[in-house]
């Protein structure tokens, strides 16, 4: 199972900071997260970047293994 870490608005929408999910690809992970956390989380997830072991995953076909860590990062501003 991949370890998932939620940050900022993603953590608020999921009501957790971390989870484990069994998913073979980023696309399957998105579907599993939406099923688990609901429509509000899906709305937030649509704006988030997903990083697999620190590398941005831009394609739903990116494979996941049980040892991967996925960070769910909403857009943020800083100054």
N, C-alpha and C. Protein backbone atom coordinates (compact mmCIF):
# COMPACT_ATOMS: atom_id res chain seq x y z
N UNK A 1 0.83 -1.18 0.00
CA UNK A 1 0.00 0.00 0.00
C UNK A 1 0.88 1.25 0.00
N UNK A 2 0.53 2.19 -0.85
CA UNK A 2 1.26 3.44 -0.91
C UNK A 2 0.87 4.31 0.28
N UNK A 3 1.82 5.06 0.80
CA UNK A 3 1.56 6.02 1.87
C UNK A 3 1.19 7.35 1.24
N UNK A 4 0.09 7.93 1.69
CA UNK A 4 -0.40 9.19 1.14
C UNK A 4 -0.31 10.24 2.24
N UNK A 5 0.26 11.41 1.90
CA UNK A 5 0.32 12.53 2.84
C UNK A 5 -0.47 13.68 2.24
N UNK A 6 -1.36 14.24 3.04
CA UNK A 6 -2.22 15.34 2.60
C UNK A 6 -1.73 16.63 3.25
N UNK A 7 -1.75 17.72 2.48
CA UNK A 7 -1.30 19.00 2.98
C UNK A 7 -2.38 20.06 2.78
N UNK A 8 -2.41 21.03 3.68
CA UNK A 8 -3.27 22.22 3.59
C UNK A 8 -4.73 21.85 3.29
N UNK A 9 -5.29 22.41 2.22
CA UNK A 9 -6.71 22.20 1.90
C UNK A 9 -7.04 20.73 1.64
N UNK A 10 -6.08 19.97 1.13
CA UNK A 10 -6.32 18.54 0.90
C UNK A 10 -6.50 17.81 2.23
N UNK A 11 -5.71 18.17 3.22
CA UNK A 11 -5.85 17.56 4.55
C UNK A 11 -7.17 17.96 5.18
N UNK A 12 -7.58 19.20 4.99
CA UNK A 12 -8.86 19.66 5.53
C UNK A 12 -10.02 18.92 4.88
N UNK A 13 -9.98 18.77 3.56
CA UNK A 13 -11.08 18.10 2.84
C UNK A 13 -11.16 16.62 3.19
N UNK A 14 -10.00 15.99 3.41
CA UNK A 14 -9.98 14.56 3.75
C UNK A 14 -10.20 14.33 5.25
N UNK A 15 -9.98 15.38 6.04
CA UNK A 15 -10.06 15.30 7.49
C UNK A 15 -9.02 14.37 8.10
N UNK A 16 -7.93 14.16 7.37
CA UNK A 16 -6.78 13.38 7.85
C UNK A 16 -5.51 13.97 7.24
N UNK A 17 -4.39 13.70 7.88
CA UNK A 17 -3.10 14.15 7.35
C UNK A 17 -2.40 13.07 6.54
N UNK A 18 -2.81 11.81 6.74
CA UNK A 18 -2.13 10.71 6.07
C UNK A 18 -3.05 9.50 5.96
N UNK A 19 -2.74 8.65 5.01
CA UNK A 19 -3.51 7.42 4.79
C UNK A 19 -2.64 6.43 4.02
N UNK A 20 -3.11 5.22 3.92
CA UNK A 20 -2.50 4.23 3.03
C UNK A 20 -3.60 3.76 2.08
N UNK A 21 -3.20 3.60 0.82
CA UNK A 21 -4.15 3.20 -0.22
C UNK A 21 -3.46 2.16 -1.11
N UNK A 22 -4.19 1.13 -1.46
CA UNK A 22 -3.68 0.13 -2.39
C UNK A 22 -4.16 0.51 -3.79
N UNK A 23 -3.24 1.04 -4.61
CA UNK A 23 -3.58 1.45 -5.97
C UNK A 23 -2.37 1.19 -6.87
N UNK A 24 -2.62 0.73 -8.08
CA UNK A 24 -1.54 0.38 -9.00
C UNK A 24 -1.02 1.57 -9.79
N UNK A 25 -1.84 2.61 -9.95
CA UNK A 25 -1.45 3.79 -10.72
C UNK A 25 -1.97 5.05 -10.05
N UNK A 26 -1.47 6.19 -10.50
CA UNK A 26 -1.97 7.47 -10.00
C UNK A 26 -3.46 7.61 -10.30
N UNK A 27 -3.90 7.19 -11.48
CA UNK A 27 -5.32 7.26 -11.82
C UNK A 27 -6.17 6.45 -10.87
N UNK A 28 -5.72 5.24 -10.55
CA UNK A 28 -6.45 4.40 -9.60
C UNK A 28 -6.43 5.01 -8.21
N UNK A 29 -5.34 5.67 -7.86
CA UNK A 29 -5.25 6.35 -6.57
C UNK A 29 -6.26 7.49 -6.50
N UNK A 30 -6.34 8.31 -7.57
CA UNK A 30 -7.32 9.40 -7.60
C UNK A 30 -8.74 8.86 -7.38
N UNK A 31 -9.07 7.77 -8.07
CA UNK A 31 -10.41 7.17 -7.94
C UNK A 31 -10.64 6.67 -6.51
N UNK A 32 -9.66 6.01 -5.94
CA UNK A 32 -9.80 5.48 -4.58
C UNK A 32 -9.94 6.60 -3.55
N UNK A 33 -9.17 7.67 -3.73
CA UNK A 33 -9.27 8.80 -2.81
C UNK A 33 -10.64 9.47 -2.89
N UNK A 34 -11.14 9.62 -4.10
CA UNK A 34 -12.46 10.22 -4.30
C UNK A 34 -13.55 9.37 -3.66
N UNK A 35 -13.45 8.06 -3.83
CA UNK A 35 -14.42 7.16 -3.21
C UNK A 35 -14.35 7.24 -1.69
N UNK A 36 -13.16 7.30 -1.16
CA UNK A 36 -12.98 7.29 0.30
C UNK A 36 -13.39 8.63 0.93
N UNK A 37 -13.04 9.75 0.29
CA UNK A 37 -13.20 11.06 0.94
C UNK A 37 -14.31 11.94 0.37
N UNK A 38 -14.93 11.55 -0.74
CA UNK A 38 -16.13 12.24 -1.21
C UNK A 38 -15.94 13.38 -2.19
N UNK A 39 -17.08 14.02 -2.49
CA UNK A 39 -17.15 15.02 -3.55
C UNK A 39 -16.33 16.27 -3.24
N UNK A 40 -16.36 16.74 -2.00
CA UNK A 40 -15.58 17.94 -1.66
C UNK A 40 -14.10 17.67 -1.83
N UNK A 41 -13.65 16.49 -1.41
CA UNK A 41 -12.24 16.14 -1.60
C UNK A 41 -11.92 16.05 -3.09
N UNK A 42 -12.82 15.50 -3.88
CA UNK A 42 -12.59 15.40 -5.33
C UNK A 42 -12.40 16.79 -5.94
N UNK A 43 -13.18 17.76 -5.49
CA UNK A 43 -13.04 19.13 -5.99
C UNK A 43 -11.65 19.68 -5.68
N UNK A 44 -11.18 19.47 -4.46
CA UNK A 44 -9.85 19.93 -4.06
C UNK A 44 -8.78 19.16 -4.82
N UNK A 45 -8.95 17.85 -4.92
CA UNK A 45 -7.96 17.00 -5.59
C UNK A 45 -7.74 17.44 -7.04
N UNK A 46 -8.79 17.92 -7.70
CA UNK A 46 -8.66 18.37 -9.08
C UNK A 46 -7.69 19.51 -9.27
N UNK A 47 -7.39 20.23 -8.20
CA UNK A 47 -6.44 21.34 -8.27
C UNK A 47 -5.09 21.01 -7.67
N UNK A 48 -4.93 19.82 -7.15
CA UNK A 48 -3.70 19.44 -6.45
C UNK A 48 -2.65 18.87 -7.40
N UNK A 49 -1.40 19.02 -6.98
CA UNK A 49 -0.29 18.30 -7.60
C UNK A 49 -0.05 17.05 -6.77
N UNK A 50 0.30 15.97 -7.45
CA UNK A 50 0.66 14.74 -6.76
C UNK A 50 2.13 14.47 -7.00
N UNK A 51 2.86 14.25 -5.93
CA UNK A 51 4.28 13.93 -6.01
C UNK A 51 4.48 12.51 -5.54
N UNK A 52 5.13 11.71 -6.35
CA UNK A 52 5.46 10.33 -5.99
C UNK A 52 6.93 10.29 -5.64
N UNK A 53 7.23 10.06 -4.38
CA UNK A 53 8.61 10.04 -3.90
C UNK A 53 9.34 11.31 -4.29
N UNK A 54 8.63 12.45 -4.23
CA UNK A 54 9.23 13.75 -4.50
C UNK A 54 9.20 14.19 -5.94
N UNK A 55 8.72 13.35 -6.85
CA UNK A 55 8.67 13.70 -8.28
C UNK A 55 7.23 13.88 -8.70
N UNK A 56 6.95 15.00 -9.37
CA UNK A 56 5.57 15.30 -9.78
C UNK A 56 5.06 14.24 -10.76
N UNK A 57 3.87 13.73 -10.49
CA UNK A 57 3.22 12.73 -11.35
C UNK A 57 2.14 13.45 -12.15
N UNK A 58 2.38 13.66 -13.44
CA UNK A 58 1.45 14.41 -14.27
C UNK A 58 0.56 13.50 -15.12
N UNK A 59 0.82 12.21 -15.11
CA UNK A 59 0.09 11.26 -15.94
C UNK A 59 -0.59 10.23 -15.04
N UNK A 60 -1.86 9.96 -15.27
CA UNK A 60 -2.58 8.97 -14.47
C UNK A 60 -2.03 7.56 -14.63
N UNK A 61 -1.20 7.32 -15.65
CA UNK A 61 -0.63 5.99 -15.86
C UNK A 61 0.63 5.74 -15.03
N UNK A 62 1.10 6.75 -14.28
CA UNK A 62 2.30 6.56 -13.45
C UNK A 62 2.04 5.42 -12.47
N UNK A 63 2.91 4.41 -12.48
CA UNK A 63 2.70 3.25 -11.60
C UNK A 63 3.04 3.57 -10.14
N UNK A 64 2.38 2.88 -9.23
CA UNK A 64 2.65 2.99 -7.80
C UNK A 64 3.01 1.63 -7.24
N UNK A 65 3.89 1.63 -6.26
CA UNK A 65 4.21 0.39 -5.55
C UNK A 65 3.92 0.61 -4.08
N UNK A 66 3.95 -0.45 -3.34
CA UNK A 66 3.64 -0.39 -1.92
C UNK A 66 4.63 0.42 -1.11
N UNK A 67 5.81 0.67 -1.65
CA UNK A 67 6.81 1.44 -0.92
C UNK A 67 6.81 2.92 -1.27
N UNK A 68 5.91 3.35 -2.16
CA UNK A 68 5.87 4.75 -2.60
C UNK A 68 5.19 5.65 -1.56
N UNK A 69 5.63 6.90 -1.54
CA UNK A 69 4.97 7.94 -0.77
C UNK A 69 4.43 8.96 -1.75
N UNK A 70 3.14 9.26 -1.64
CA UNK A 70 2.49 10.24 -2.51
C UNK A 70 2.08 11.43 -1.68
N UNK A 71 2.54 12.62 -2.07
CA UNK A 71 2.14 13.85 -1.43
C UNK A 71 1.05 14.51 -2.25
N UNK A 72 -0.03 14.92 -1.59
CA UNK A 72 -1.14 15.61 -2.24
C UNK A 72 -1.03 17.07 -1.84
N UNK A 73 -0.61 17.91 -2.81
CA UNK A 73 -0.30 19.31 -2.53
C UNK A 73 -1.23 20.25 -3.29
N UNK A 74 -2.08 20.97 -2.57
CA UNK A 74 -2.91 21.98 -3.22
C UNK A 74 -2.05 23.15 -3.67
N UNK A 75 -2.55 23.97 -4.59
CA UNK A 75 -1.79 25.16 -4.96
C UNK A 75 -1.67 26.09 -3.75
N UNK A 76 -0.57 26.79 -3.67
CA UNK A 76 -0.39 27.72 -2.57
C UNK A 76 0.35 28.94 -3.07
N UNK A 77 0.22 30.01 -2.34
CA UNK A 77 0.90 31.26 -2.69
C UNK A 77 1.82 31.62 -1.53
N UNK A 78 2.84 32.28 -1.86
CA UNK A 78 3.78 32.71 -0.82
C UNK A 78 4.42 34.02 -1.23
N UNK A 79 5.13 34.57 -0.32
CA UNK A 79 5.74 35.84 -0.65
C UNK A 79 6.94 36.11 0.18
